[in-house]
C-alpha atoms as a PDB file:
ATOM      1  CA  MET A   1     102.993 129.951 105.309  1.00  0.00           C
ATOM      2  CA  ASP A   2      99.386 131.933 104.026  1.00  0.00           C
ATOM      3  CA  GLY A   3      96.487 130.856 105.230  1.00  0.00           C
ATOM      4  CA  GLU A   4      95.344 128.558 103.139  1.00  0.00           C
ATOM      5  CA  SER A   5      98.058 126.271 102.951  1.00  0.00           C
ATOM      6  CA  LYS A   6      97.853 126.633 106.846  1.00  0.00           C
ATOM      7  CA  LEU A   7      94.140 125.177 106.552  1.00  0.00           C
ATOM      8  CA  GLU A   8      95.058 122.412 104.612  1.00  0.00           C
ATOM      9  CA  GLN A   9      97.581 120.996 107.375  1.00  0.00           C
ATOM     10  CA  PHE A  10      94.346 121.364 109.388  1.00  0.00           C
ATOM     11  CA  VAL A  11      92.612 119.650 107.636  1.00  0.00           C
ATOM     12  CA  LEU A  12      94.721 117.107 107.016  1.00  0.00           C
ATOM     13  CA  LEU A  13      95.026 116.315 110.673  1.00  0.00           C
ATOM     14  CA  SER A  14      91.434 116.131 111.617  1.00  0.00           C
ATOM     15  CA  LYS A  15      90.973 113.490 109.301  1.00  0.00           C
ATOM     16  CA  GLY A  16      92.430 111.154 111.721  1.00  0.00           C
ATOM     17  CA  ALA A  17      91.512 112.881 114.955  1.00  0.00           C
ATOM     18  CA  ARG A  18      88.249 112.720 116.895  1.00  0.00           C
ATOM     19  CA  GLY A  19      86.539 113.314 119.670  1.00  0.00           C
ATOM     20  CA  PRO A  20      89.048 115.858 122.582  1.00  0.00           C
ATOM     21  CA  ALA A  21      91.992 115.881 120.278  1.00  0.00           C
ATOM     22  CA  LEU A  22      89.226 117.400 117.283  1.00  0.00           C
ATOM     23  CA  ALA A  23      87.925 120.266 119.094  1.00  0.00           C
ATOM     24  CA  LYS A  24      91.438 120.524 120.772  1.00  0.00           C
ATOM     25  CA  LEU A  25      92.122 121.371 116.824  1.00  0.00           C
ATOM     26  CA  ILE A  26      89.045 123.752 116.180  1.00  0.00           C
ATOM     27  CA  GLU A  27      90.048 125.496 119.010  1.00  0.00           C
ATOM     28  CA  LYS A  28      93.520 126.106 117.746  1.00  0.00           C
ATOM     29  CA  VAL A  29      91.652 126.491 114.266  1.00  0.00           C
ATOM     30  CA  THR A  30      89.659 129.408 114.621  1.00  0.00           C
ATOM     31  CA  ALA A  31      92.145 131.369 116.629  1.00  0.00           C
ATOM     32  CA  GLU A  32      94.767 130.989 113.887  1.00  0.00           C
ATOM     33  CA  PRO A  33      96.750 134.154 112.590  1.00  0.00           C
ATOM     34  CA  GLY A  34      95.312 134.182 108.175  1.00  0.00           C
ATOM     35  CA  ILE A  35      93.279 131.378 108.220  1.00  0.00           C
ATOM     36  CA  PHE A  36      89.687 133.256 107.792  1.00  0.00           C
ATOM     37  CA  SER A  37      87.155 130.420 105.585  1.00  0.00           C
ATOM     38  CA  PHE A  38      86.823 127.122 107.342  1.00  0.00           C
ATOM     39  CA  GLY A  39      84.252 125.307 104.500  1.00  0.00           C
ATOM     40  CA  ALA A  40      86.896 122.854 103.825  1.00  0.00           C
ATOM     41  CA  LEU A  41      87.328 121.613 107.552  1.00  0.00           C
ATOM     42  CA  LEU A  42      83.393 121.534 107.493  1.00  0.00           C
ATOM     43  CA  ASP A  43      83.511 118.716 104.788  1.00  0.00           C
ATOM     44  CA  VAL A  44      85.746 116.191 106.726  1.00  0.00           C
ATOM     45  CA  PRO A  45      83.248 113.339 107.855  1.00  0.00           C
ATOM     46  CA  SER A  46      85.328 113.479 111.162  1.00  0.00           C
ATOM     47  CA  VAL A  47      83.780 117.162 111.633  1.00  0.00           C
ATOM     48  CA  LYS A  48      80.612 116.555 111.164  1.00  0.00           C
ATOM     49  CA  GLU A  49      80.039 113.740 113.233  1.00  0.00           C
ATOM     50  CA  LEU A  50      80.426 116.061 115.749  1.00  0.00           C
ATOM     51  CA  GLU A  51      77.893 117.875 116.074  1.00  0.00           C
ATOM     52  CA  GLY A  52      75.690 115.014 117.718  1.00  0.00           C
ATOM     53  CA  SER A  53      78.154 114.195 119.977  1.00  0.00           C
ATOM     54  CA  ASP A  54      79.546 114.957 123.851  1.00  0.00           C
ATOM     55  CA  PHE A  55      81.449 117.995 121.385  1.00  0.00           C
ATOM     56  CA  ALA A  56      78.812 119.122 119.414  1.00  0.00           C
ATOM     57  CA  GLN A  57      80.223 123.274 120.975  1.00  0.00           C
ATOM     58  CA  ALA A  58      83.314 122.578 119.454  1.00  0.00           C
ATOM     59  CA  TYR A  59      81.519 121.718 116.119  1.00  0.00           C
ATOM     60  CA  GLN A  60      79.077 124.951 116.984  1.00  0.00           C
ATOM     61  CA  LEU A  61      82.323 126.981 117.282  1.00  0.00           C
ATOM     62  CA  LEU A  62      83.520 125.841 113.823  1.00  0.00           C
ATOM     63  CA  LEU A  63      80.104 126.997 112.541  1.00  0.00           C
ATOM     64  CA  LEU A  64      80.459 130.135 113.938  1.00  0.00           C
ATOM     65  CA  PHE A  65      83.396 131.139 112.689  1.00  0.00           C
ATOM     66  CA  ALA A  66      82.641 130.218 108.434  1.00  0.00           C
ATOM     67  CA  TYR A  67      79.433 131.468 108.472  1.00  0.00           C
ATOM     68  CA  GLY A  68      78.598 133.755 111.988  1.00  0.00           C
ATOM     69  CA  THR A  69      79.576 137.096 113.477  1.00  0.00           C
ATOM     70  CA  TRP A  70      80.066 138.671 116.973  1.00  0.00           C
ATOM     71  CA  SER A  71      76.625 139.682 117.181  1.00  0.00           C
ATOM     72  CA  ASP A  72      75.437 136.238 116.457  1.00  0.00           C
ATOM     73  CA  TYR A  73      78.320 134.706 119.101  1.00  0.00           C
ATOM     74  CA  LYS A  74      77.115 137.440 121.620  1.00  0.00           C
ATOM     75  CA  ALA A  75      73.297 136.017 121.034  1.00  0.00           C
ATOM     76  CA  CYS A  76      73.633 132.566 122.427  1.00  0.00           C
ATOM     77  CA  ALA A  77      77.363 133.016 123.880  1.00  0.00           C
ATOM     78  CA  GLY A  78      76.089 129.994 126.350  1.00  0.00           C
ATOM     79  CA  SER A  79      75.820 127.878 124.527  1.00  0.00           C
ATOM     80  CA  LEU A  80      79.612 128.259 122.940  1.00  0.00           C
ATOM     81  CA  PRO A  81      83.026 127.867 124.197  1.00  0.00           C
ATOM     82  CA  ALA A  82      84.406 131.260 126.024  1.00  0.00           C
ATOM     83  CA  LEU A  83      86.408 132.838 123.203  1.00  0.00           C
ATOM     84  CA  THR A  84      89.992 133.488 123.814  1.00  0.00           C
ATOM     85  CA  ASP A  85      91.951 137.212 122.988  1.00  0.00           C
ATOM     86  CA  ARG A  86      92.840 135.817 119.221  1.00  0.00           C
ATOM     87  CA  GLN A  87      89.072 134.427 119.239  1.00  0.00           C
ATOM     88  CA  ARG A  88      87.470 137.407 119.419  1.00  0.00           C
ATOM     89  CA  VAL A  89      89.841 139.569 117.466  1.00  0.00           C
ATOM     90  CA  LYS A  90      88.925 137.021 114.274  1.00  0.00           C
ATOM     91  CA  LEU A  91      85.655 136.755 114.291  1.00  0.00           C
ATOM     92  CA  LYS A  92      85.351 140.591 115.234  1.00  0.00           C
ATOM     93  CA  GLN A  93      87.574 141.118 112.053  1.00  0.00           C
ATOM     94  CA  LEU A  94      84.784 138.132 110.181  1.00  0.00           C
ATOM     95  CA  SER A  95      82.454 140.449 111.537  1.00  0.00           C
ATOM     96  CA  VAL A  96      83.513 143.522 109.394  1.00  0.00           C
ATOM     97  CA  VAL A  97      83.734 141.255 106.434  1.00  0.00           C
ATOM     98  CA  SER A  98      80.460 140.669 106.618  1.00  0.00           C
ATOM     99  CA  ALA A  99      79.489 143.879 106.770  1.00  0.00           C
ATOM    100  CA  ALA A 100      81.489 145.115 104.088  1.00  0.00           C
ATOM    101  CA  GLU A 101      80.121 142.547 101.966  1.00  0.00           C
ATOM    102  CA  SER A 102      76.143 143.576 102.361  1.00  0.00           C
ATOM    103  CA  SER A 103      77.061 147.293 102.394  1.00  0.00           C
ATOM    104  CA  LYS A 104      80.328 149.932 100.956  1.00  0.00           C
ATOM    105  CA  VAL A 105      79.741 152.926 103.374  1.00  0.00           C
ATOM    106  CA  ILE A 106      79.015 151.648 106.873  1.00  0.00           C
ATOM    107  CA  PRO A 107      78.381 154.399 109.432  1.00  0.00           C
ATOM    108  CA  TYR A 108      80.540 154.479 112.365  1.00  0.00           C
ATOM    109  CA  ALA A 109      77.715 153.657 114.674  1.00  0.00           C
ATOM    110  CA  GLU A 110      76.672 150.458 112.926  1.00  0.00           C
ATOM    111  CA  LEU A 111      79.963 149.369 113.556  1.00  0.00           C
ATOM    112  CA  MET A 112      80.671 150.232 116.994  1.00  0.00           C
ATOM    113  CA  ALA A 113      77.563 148.328 118.037  1.00  0.00           C
ATOM    114  CA  ALA A 114      77.826 145.499 115.982  1.00  0.00           C
ATOM    115  CA  LEU A 115      82.186 144.917 117.501  1.00  0.00           C
ATOM    116  CA  ASP A 116      81.415 145.979 120.880  1.00  0.00           C
ATOM    117  CA  VAL A 117      83.403 148.906 120.322  1.00  0.00           C
ATOM    118  CA  ALA A 118      83.555 151.522 122.963  1.00  0.00           C
ATOM    119  CA  ASN A 119      84.984 154.437 121.251  1.00  0.00           C
ATOM    120  CA  ILE A 120      85.447 155.828 117.532  1.00  0.00           C
ATOM    121  CA  ARG A 121      89.418 155.794 118.727  1.00  0.00           C
ATOM    122  CA  GLU A 122      89.423 151.841 119.533  1.00  0.00           C
ATOM    123  CA  LEU A 123      87.107 151.230 116.516  1.00  0.00           C
ATOM    124  CA  GLU A 124      89.486 153.032 113.899  1.00  0.00           C
ATOM    125  CA  ASP A 125      92.473 150.915 115.543  1.00  0.00           C
ATOM    126  CA  LEU A 126      90.593 147.656 115.293  1.00  0.00           C
ATOM    127  CA  LEU A 127      90.057 148.690 111.226  1.00  0.00           C
ATOM    128  CA  ILE A 128      93.823 149.623 110.534  1.00  0.00           C
ATOM    129  CA  SER A 129      95.370 147.253 112.038  1.00  0.00           C
ATOM    130  CA  GLU A 130      93.467 143.902 112.195  1.00  0.00           C
ATOM    131  CA  CYS A 131      91.620 144.574 108.894  1.00  0.00           C
ATOM    132  CA  PHE A 132      93.113 146.655 106.355  1.00  0.00           C
ATOM    133  CA  TYR A 133      96.490 145.464 107.567  1.00  0.00           C
ATOM    134  CA  SER A 134      95.521 141.914 106.867  1.00  0.00           C
ATOM    135  CA  GLY A 135      94.388 142.619 103.450  1.00  0.00           C
ATOM    136  CA  LEU A 136      91.044 141.604 104.496  1.00  0.00           C
ATOM    137  CA  VAL A 137      89.307 144.867 103.383  1.00  0.00           C
ATOM    138  CA  THR A 138      90.697 147.886 101.968  1.00  0.00           C
ATOM    139  CA  GLY A 139      88.740 151.299 102.206  1.00  0.00           C
ATOM    140  CA  LYS A 140      89.400 154.610 103.246  1.00  0.00           C
ATOM    141  CA  LEU A 141      87.849 156.041 107.020  1.00  0.00           C
ATOM    142  CA  ASP A 142      86.430 158.879 106.554  1.00  0.00           C
ATOM    143  CA  GLN A 143      86.445 160.451 109.775  1.00  0.00           C
ATOM    144  CA  ARG A 144      84.390 164.291 108.882  1.00  0.00           C
ATOM    145  CA  ARG A 145      81.400 161.702 107.969  1.00  0.00           C
ATOM    146  CA  GLN A 146      82.303 159.197 110.065  1.00  0.00           C
ATOM    147  CA  CYS A 147      82.085 156.589 108.646  1.00  0.00           C
ATOM    148  CA  LEU A 148      84.162 153.306 106.841  1.00  0.00           C
ATOM    149  CA  ARG A 149      84.271 153.332 102.970  1.00  0.00           C
ATOM    150  CA  VAL A 150      84.730 150.388 101.343  1.00  0.00           C
ATOM    151  CA  ALA A 151      86.236 149.719  98.382  1.00  0.00           C
ATOM    152  CA  ASP A 152      86.888 145.735  98.437  1.00  0.00           C
ATOM    153  CA  ALA A 153      86.700 142.619 100.627  1.00  0.00           C
ATOM    154  CA  ALA A 154      87.416 139.312 101.162  1.00  0.00           C
ATOM    155  CA  SER A 155      84.910 136.554 101.107  1.00  0.00           C
ATOM    156  CA  ARG A 156      83.301 134.409 103.622  1.00  0.00           C
ATOM    157  CA  ASP A 157      82.147 130.648 103.675  1.00  0.00           C
ATOM    158  CA  VAL A 158      78.488 130.760 101.947  1.00  0.00           C
ATOM    159  CA  ARG A 159      76.116 127.746 103.725  1.00  0.00           C
ATOM    160  CA  ALA A 160      74.644 125.319 100.922  1.00  0.00           C
ATOM    161  CA  GLY A 161      70.986 127.141 101.656  1.00  0.00           C
ATOM    162  CA  ASP A 162      72.659 130.286 100.429  1.00  0.00           C
ATOM    163  CA  LEU A 163      74.024 129.522  97.339  1.00  0.00           C
ATOM    164  CA  GLN A 164      70.228 128.376  96.055  1.00  0.00           C
ATOM    165  CA  PRO A 165      69.702 132.627  95.505  1.00  0.00           C
ATOM    166  CA  VAL A 166      73.024 133.040  93.341  1.00  0.00           C
ATOM    167  CA  LEU A 167      72.985 129.887  91.510  1.00  0.00           C
ATOM    168  CA  ASP A 168      69.517 131.260  90.839  1.00  0.00           C
ATOM    169  CA  GLY A 169      70.746 134.668  89.670  1.00  0.00           C
ATOM    170  CA  LEU A 170      73.095 133.050  87.666  1.00  0.00           C
ATOM    171  CA  ALA A 171      70.226 130.820  85.785  1.00  0.00           C
ATOM    172  CA  ALA A 172      68.884 134.164  85.178  1.00  0.00           C
ATOM    173  CA  TRP A 173      72.012 136.000  83.881  1.00  0.00           C
ATOM    174  CA  SER A 174      73.096 133.297  81.595  1.00  0.00           C
ATOM    175  CA  ASP A 175      69.460 132.878  80.039  1.00  0.00           C
ATOM    176  CA  ALA A 176      70.030 137.080  79.272  1.00  0.00           C
ATOM    177  CA  ALA A 177      72.478 136.643  78.007  1.00  0.00           C
ATOM    178  CA  LYS A 178      71.657 133.963  75.402  1.00  0.00           C
ATOM    179  CA  HIS A 179      68.976 136.239  74.757  1.00  0.00           C
ATOM    180  CA  VAL A 180      71.267 139.102  73.866  1.00  0.00           C
ATOM    181  CA  ALA A 181      72.998 136.544  72.041  1.00  0.00           C
ATOM    182  CA  HIS A 182      71.111 135.120  70.219  1.00  0.00           C
ATOM    183  CA  ALA A 183      69.331 138.759  68.688  1.00  0.00           C
ATOM    184  CA  LEU A 184      73.210 139.770  68.224  1.00  0.00           C
ATOM    185  CA  GLU A 185      73.326 136.552  65.965  1.00  0.00           C
ATOM    186  CA  GLU A 186      70.440 137.941  63.702  1.00  0.00           C
ATOM    187  CA  ARG A 187      71.660 141.367  63.304  1.00  0.00           C
ATOM    188  CA  ALA A 188      74.542 139.373  61.985  1.00  0.00           C
ATOM    189  CA  ARG A 189      72.617 137.506  59.320  1.00  0.00           C
ATOM    190  CA  ASP A 190      70.884 141.035  59.118  1.00  0.00           C
ATOM    191  CA  ALA A 191      73.857 142.584  57.941  1.00  0.00           C
ATOM    192  CA  THR A 192      75.791 139.769  56.328  1.00  0.00           C
ATOM    193  CA  ALA A 193      72.421 139.369  53.522  1.00  0.00           C
ATOM    194  CA  ALA A 194      72.434 142.945  53.221  1.00  0.00           C
ATOM    195  CA  VAL A 195      76.422 143.151  52.280  1.00  0.00           C
ATOM    196  CA  GLU A 196      75.723 140.598  49.846  1.00  0.00           C
ATOM    197  CA  ALA A 197      72.642 142.084  48.234  1.00  0.00           C
ATOM    198  CA  ALA A 198      74.533 145.127  47.977  1.00  0.00           C
ATOM    199  CA  ALA A 199      77.548 143.778  46.709  1.00  0.00           C
ATOM    200  CA  LYS A 200      75.267 141.336  43.809  1.00  0.00           C
ATOM    201  CA  SER A 201      73.587 145.034  42.941  1.00  0.00           C
ATOM    202  CA  SER A 202      76.547 146.469  42.156  1.00  0.00           C
ATOM    203  CA  ALA A 203      77.545 143.871  40.499  1.00  0.00           C
ATOM    204  CA  ASP A 204      74.519 143.179  37.932  1.00  0.00           C
ATOM    205  CA  ALA A 205      74.944 147.344  37.764  1.00  0.00           C
ATOM    206  CA  GLU A 206      78.493 147.319  36.456  1.00  0.00           C
ATOM    207  CA  ALA A 207      76.929 143.929  33.949  1.00  0.00           C
ATOM    208  CA  ARG A 208      74.420 146.457  32.636  1.00  0.00           C
ATOM    209  CA  VAL A 209      76.859 149.103  32.003  1.00  0.00           C
ATOM    210  CA  GLU A 210      79.391 146.718  30.499  1.00  0.00           C
ATOM    211  CA  GLU A 211      76.754 145.278  27.544  1.00  0.00           C
ATOM    212  CA  VAL A 212      75.653 149.503  26.822  1.00  0.00           C
ATOM    213  CA  ARG A 213      79.442 149.458  26.269  1.00  0.00           C
ATOM    214  CA  LYS A 214      79.489 147.026  24.147  1.00  0.00           C
ATOM    215  CA  ALA A 215      76.566 147.514  22.127  1.00  0.00           C
ATOM    216  CA  LEU A 216      77.647 151.067  21.994  1.00  0.00           C
ATOM    217  CA  LYS A 217      81.134 150.159  20.719  1.00  0.00           C
ATOM    218  CA  ALA A 218      79.728 147.193  18.178  1.00  0.00           C
ATOM    219  CA  GLU A 219      77.016 149.979  16.230  1.00  0.00           C
ATOM    220  CA  ALA A 220      80.215 152.564  16.018  1.00  0.00           C
ATOM    221  CA  GLY A 221      82.285 149.640  13.870  1.00  0.00           C
ATOM    222  CA  GLY A 222      79.671 148.380  11.519  1.00  0.00           C
ATOM    223  CA  PRO A 223      78.428 150.260   8.129  1.00  0.00           C
ATOM    224  CA  GLY A 224      75.698 152.214   9.802  1.00  0.00           C
ATOM    225  CA  GLY A 225      78.337 153.123  12.338  1.00  0.00           C
ATOM    226  CA  SER A 226      81.263 153.829   9.515  1.00  0.00           C
ATOM    227  CA  LEU A 227      78.836 156.441   7.657  1.00  0.00           C
ATOM    228  CA  ALA A 228      77.956 157.870  10.370  1.00  0.00           C
ATOM    229  CA  GLY A 229      81.780 158.533  11.654  1.00  0.00           C
ATOM    230  CA  GLY A 230      82.347 160.046   7.854  1.00  0.00           C
ATOM    231  CA  ALA A 231      79.179 162.253   8.420  1.00  0.00           C
ATOM    232  CA  LEU A 232      80.814 162.996  12.020  1.00  0.00           C
ATOM    233  CA  GLN A 233      84.157 163.623  10.200  1.00  0.00           C
ATOM    234  CA  ASP A 234      82.973 165.868   7.054  1.00  0.00           C
ATOM    235  CA  ALA A 235      80.590 168.137   9.621  1.00  0.00           C
ATOM    236  CA  MET A 236      84.214 168.734  11.872  1.00  0.00           C
ATOM    237  CA  GLN A 237      86.087 169.791   8.446  1.00  0.00           C
ATOM    238  CA  LEU A 238      83.342 172.373   7.438  1.00  0.00           C
ATOM    239  CA  ASP A 239      82.778 173.195  11.561  1.00  0.00           C
ATOM    240  CA  ASP A 240      87.233 173.819  10.486  1.00  0.00           C
ATOM    241  CA  ALA A 241      86.666 176.339   7.303  1.00  0.00           C
ATOM    242  CA  PRO A 242      86.574 179.765   6.733  1.00  0.00           C
ATOM    243  CA  SER A 243      83.096 180.223   6.967  1.00  0.00           C
ATOM    244  CA  LEU A 244      81.312 182.980   3.816  1.00  0.00           C
ATOM    245  CA  GLU A 245      78.320 184.883   5.584  1.00  0.00           C
ATOM    246  CA  TYR A 246      76.234 187.250   3.600  1.00  0.00           C
ATOM    247  CA  THR A 247      74.219 189.708   5.441  1.00  0.00           C
ATOM    248  CA  GLU A 248      71.597 191.667   4.315  1.00  0.00           C
ATOM    249  CA  GLU A 249      73.352 194.760   4.911  1.00  0.00           C
ATOM    250  CA  ASP A 250      76.136 193.184   1.903  1.00  0.00           C
ATOM    251  CA  HIS A 251      72.905 192.554  -0.574  1.00  0.00           C
ATOM    252  CA  HIS A 252      71.979 196.313   0.387  1.00  0.00           C
ATOM    253  CA  ASP A 253      75.807 197.355  -0.042  1.00  0.00           C
ATOM    254  CA  ARG A 254      75.713 194.859  -3.500  1.00  0.00           C
ATOM    255  CA  LEU A 255      72.328 196.515  -4.910  1.00  0.00           C
ATOM    256  CA  GLY A 256      73.768 199.890  -4.538  1.00  0.00           C
ATOM    257  CA  GLU A 257      76.907 199.022  -6.288  1.00  0.00           C
ATOM    258  CA  HIS A 258      75.057 197.990  -9.345  1.00  0.00           C
ATOM    259  CA  ARG A 259      72.938 200.974  -9.389  1.00  0.00           C
ATOM    260  CA  MET A 260      74.971 203.222  -9.300  1.00  0.00           C
ATOM    261  CA  GLY A 261      76.623 201.114 -12.248  1.00  0.00           C
ATOM    262  CA  GLU A 262      73.752 201.388 -14.404  1.00  0.00           C
ATOM    263  CA  HIS A 263      73.581 204.550 -13.473  1.00  0.00           C
ATOM    264  CA  ARG A 264      77.088 205.600 -15.064  1.00  0.00           C
ATOM    265  CA  THR A 265      76.742 203.795 -18.127  1.00  0.00           C
ATOM    266  CA  GLY A 266      73.305 204.525 -18.744  1.00  0.00           C
ATOM    267  CA  GLY A 267      74.407 208.522 -18.653  1.00  0.00           C
ATOM    268  CA  HIS A 268      76.938 207.462 -21.073  1.00  0.00           C
ATOM    269  CA  SER A 269      74.828 206.217 -23.760  1.00  0.00           C
ATOM    270  CA  ASP A 270      72.106 208.724 -23.220  1.00  0.00           C
ATOM    271  CA  ARG A 271      75.318 211.376 -24.360  1.00  0.00           C
ATOM    272  CA  LEU A 272      76.367 208.846 -27.383  1.00  0.00           C
ATOM    273  CA  GLY A 273      73.541 207.817 -28.488  1.00  0.00           C
ATOM    274  CA  ARG A 274      70.718 210.307 -28.204  1.00  0.00           C
ATOM    275  CA  PRO A 275      69.443 212.259 -31.473  1.00  0.00           C
ATOM    276  CA  LYS A 276      70.175 215.513 -31.537  1.00  0.00           C
ATOM    277  CA  ARG A 277      66.840 217.911 -31.942  1.00  0.00           C
ATOM    278  CA  ARG A 278      66.142 219.758 -35.141  1.00  0.00           C
ATOM    279  CA  ARG A 279      65.715 223.453 -34.886  1.00  0.00           C
END
């Protein structure tokens, strides 16, 4: 049976117990292996009634196991019942949990003082057999640096008055989260607006291109467009015909041929038509 189920049984028994029977029940629950949370028992009305009764020490003992440490017990041992060996071990287990909640690296010297342990061997045995094996604390024993390195630790009961700082922290976190969410919403709206504007601009540009395309098509299909098209076709045909080039060199060549012809013709005429001289 796990610790939670065991605690439920003690809670049910406490509701029908009074006086010495209830004090005896508290002694048993604080020594029971596997039970490390006592808040549910403290909420039982009959248990609360012990505070102002002849069995107030039993109530104070329950408070010690719910919120206190071995150092707290040593400081007020005279006003509390004597602890059994099993209660001593459990209170030291809970003391290690409290230390692990406040620091992830705990020097051996600090733990030895807090747990009233005489040497390192005894301390390491306690940490391994009573804390690691029970699952209350997970971590590593750093023998070279003489410290406990905490990876995780169980949670202990919390006093109602100790909850206010936690609630304040949660409220601050909630406000910060709302602020971040609001900022993200604004950015999302801006991004959506930018995308819509870009899409509209693209659509407008496509519409203008289509208008220009239609206008050009209409101009090409009209009378002037046909004329222009025919002229363009004629120009293309002329471009395809062989070109006749007449250069200055051709001009001189032809002019020379013409003169040579005249010279030949003229010479013949002179020989035929020139009158002979009389002697």
